[in-house]
Amino acid sequence: MPNAQPIAVQVTVTVTALVYPEPDAGGFSAEVPALPGCYTEGETLDEVRDNLKEAAEAWLAAQHDHATGAPRQEGAA
C-alpha cells in the first residue's frame, strides 16, 4: 500500500520452551522449538527462564527487523 505508515505495537507472547538438564556440564540448556535457532543455557532453572525470555525477545526483534528492513535501535530488545 503506497500510503502505509509503520507503527510500533508491543505484544506479549507466551511460547513453550524445552529445558534439558546438563549433568556433565552442570546447569541446563534450553530451546524454543517455535523459534528456530533460539537456544540458551543457565546454571539454574530461574537463570535459564530469564535467559529464555531474553533470547526469545531478541529472536523476535531480529525477525521483525529482517522482515521490515528496519535497523536495530540501541538498547532495544
Protein backbone atom coordinates (compact mmCIF):
# COMPACT_ATOMS: atom_id res chain seq x y z
CA MET A 1 0.00 0.00 0.00
CA PRO A 2 1.60 3.27 -1.03
CA ASN A 3 0.25 5.30 1.92
CA ALA A 4 1.00 2.76 4.63
CA GLN A 5 2.67 4.14 7.73
CA PRO A 6 4.57 1.80 10.06
CA ILE A 7 3.73 1.93 13.74
CA ALA A 8 5.26 0.04 16.66
CA VAL A 9 2.98 -2.34 18.57
CA GLN A 10 4.15 -4.04 21.75
CA VAL A 11 2.68 -7.50 22.34
CA THR A 12 3.02 -10.17 24.99
CA VAL A 13 3.56 -13.68 23.65
CA THR A 14 3.79 -16.97 25.52
CA VAL A 15 5.98 -19.66 23.96
CA THR A 16 6.84 -23.16 25.11
CA ALA A 17 10.47 -23.98 25.78
CA LEU A 18 12.15 -27.33 26.25
CA VAL A 19 14.68 -27.45 29.08
CA TYR A 20 17.34 -30.16 29.24
CA PRO A 21 19.45 -30.97 32.30
CA GLU A 22 23.17 -30.97 31.51
CA PRO A 23 24.61 -33.43 34.08
CA ASP A 24 28.15 -33.39 32.63
CA ALA A 25 28.47 -29.62 32.34
CA GLY A 26 26.04 -28.70 35.10
CA GLY A 27 23.03 -26.47 34.74
CA PHE A 28 20.55 -26.60 31.89
CA SER A 29 20.27 -25.95 28.17
CA ALA A 30 17.01 -24.86 26.57
CA GLU A 31 15.37 -24.20 23.23
CA VAL A 32 12.16 -22.68 21.91
CA PRO A 33 11.06 -25.04 19.12
CA ALA A 34 8.69 -22.45 17.61
CA LEU A 35 11.64 -20.06 17.15
CA PRO A 36 14.27 -21.93 15.09
CA GLY A 37 17.75 -21.32 16.41
CA CYS A 38 16.54 -19.86 19.72
CA TYR A 39 18.73 -21.61 22.30
CA THR A 40 20.20 -20.68 25.65
CA GLU A 41 21.59 -22.13 28.85
CA GLY A 42 21.74 -21.38 32.56
CA GLU A 43 23.08 -22.70 35.83
CA THR A 44 19.62 -22.80 37.48
CA LEU A 45 16.04 -23.08 36.24
CA ASP A 46 15.45 -19.44 37.21
CA GLU A 47 18.50 -18.35 35.22
CA VAL A 48 17.52 -20.42 32.19
CA ARG A 49 13.98 -18.96 32.36
CA ASP A 50 15.39 -15.41 32.40
CA ASN A 51 17.79 -16.28 29.56
CA LEU A 52 14.94 -17.81 27.53
CA LYS A 53 12.92 -14.60 27.84
CA GLU A 54 15.88 -12.54 26.66
CA ALA A 55 16.69 -14.96 23.82
CA ALA A 56 13.07 -15.08 22.60
CA GLU A 57 12.76 -11.28 22.68
CA ALA A 58 15.99 -10.93 20.70
CA TRP A 59 14.89 -13.61 18.21
CA LEU A 60 11.54 -11.89 17.61
CA ALA A 61 13.18 -8.46 17.27
CA ALA A 62 15.71 -9.81 14.77
CA GLN A 63 12.97 -11.43 12.69
CA HIS A 64 10.98 -8.20 12.74
CA ASP A 65 14.00 -6.18 11.66
CA HIS A 66 14.80 -8.67 8.90
CA ALA A 67 11.20 -8.63 7.61
CA THR A 68 10.88 -4.84 7.64
CA GLY A 69 14.45 -3.87 6.81
CA ALA A 70 14.44 -1.72 9.94
CA PRO A 71 17.78 -1.13 11.67
CA ARG A 72 18.00 -2.10 15.35
CA GLN A 73 17.74 0.76 17.83
CA GLU A 74 20.40 0.99 20.52
CA GLY A 75 19.16 -0.72 23.69
CA ALA A 76 16.11 -2.25 22.03
CA ALA A 77 15.20 -5.80 22.99
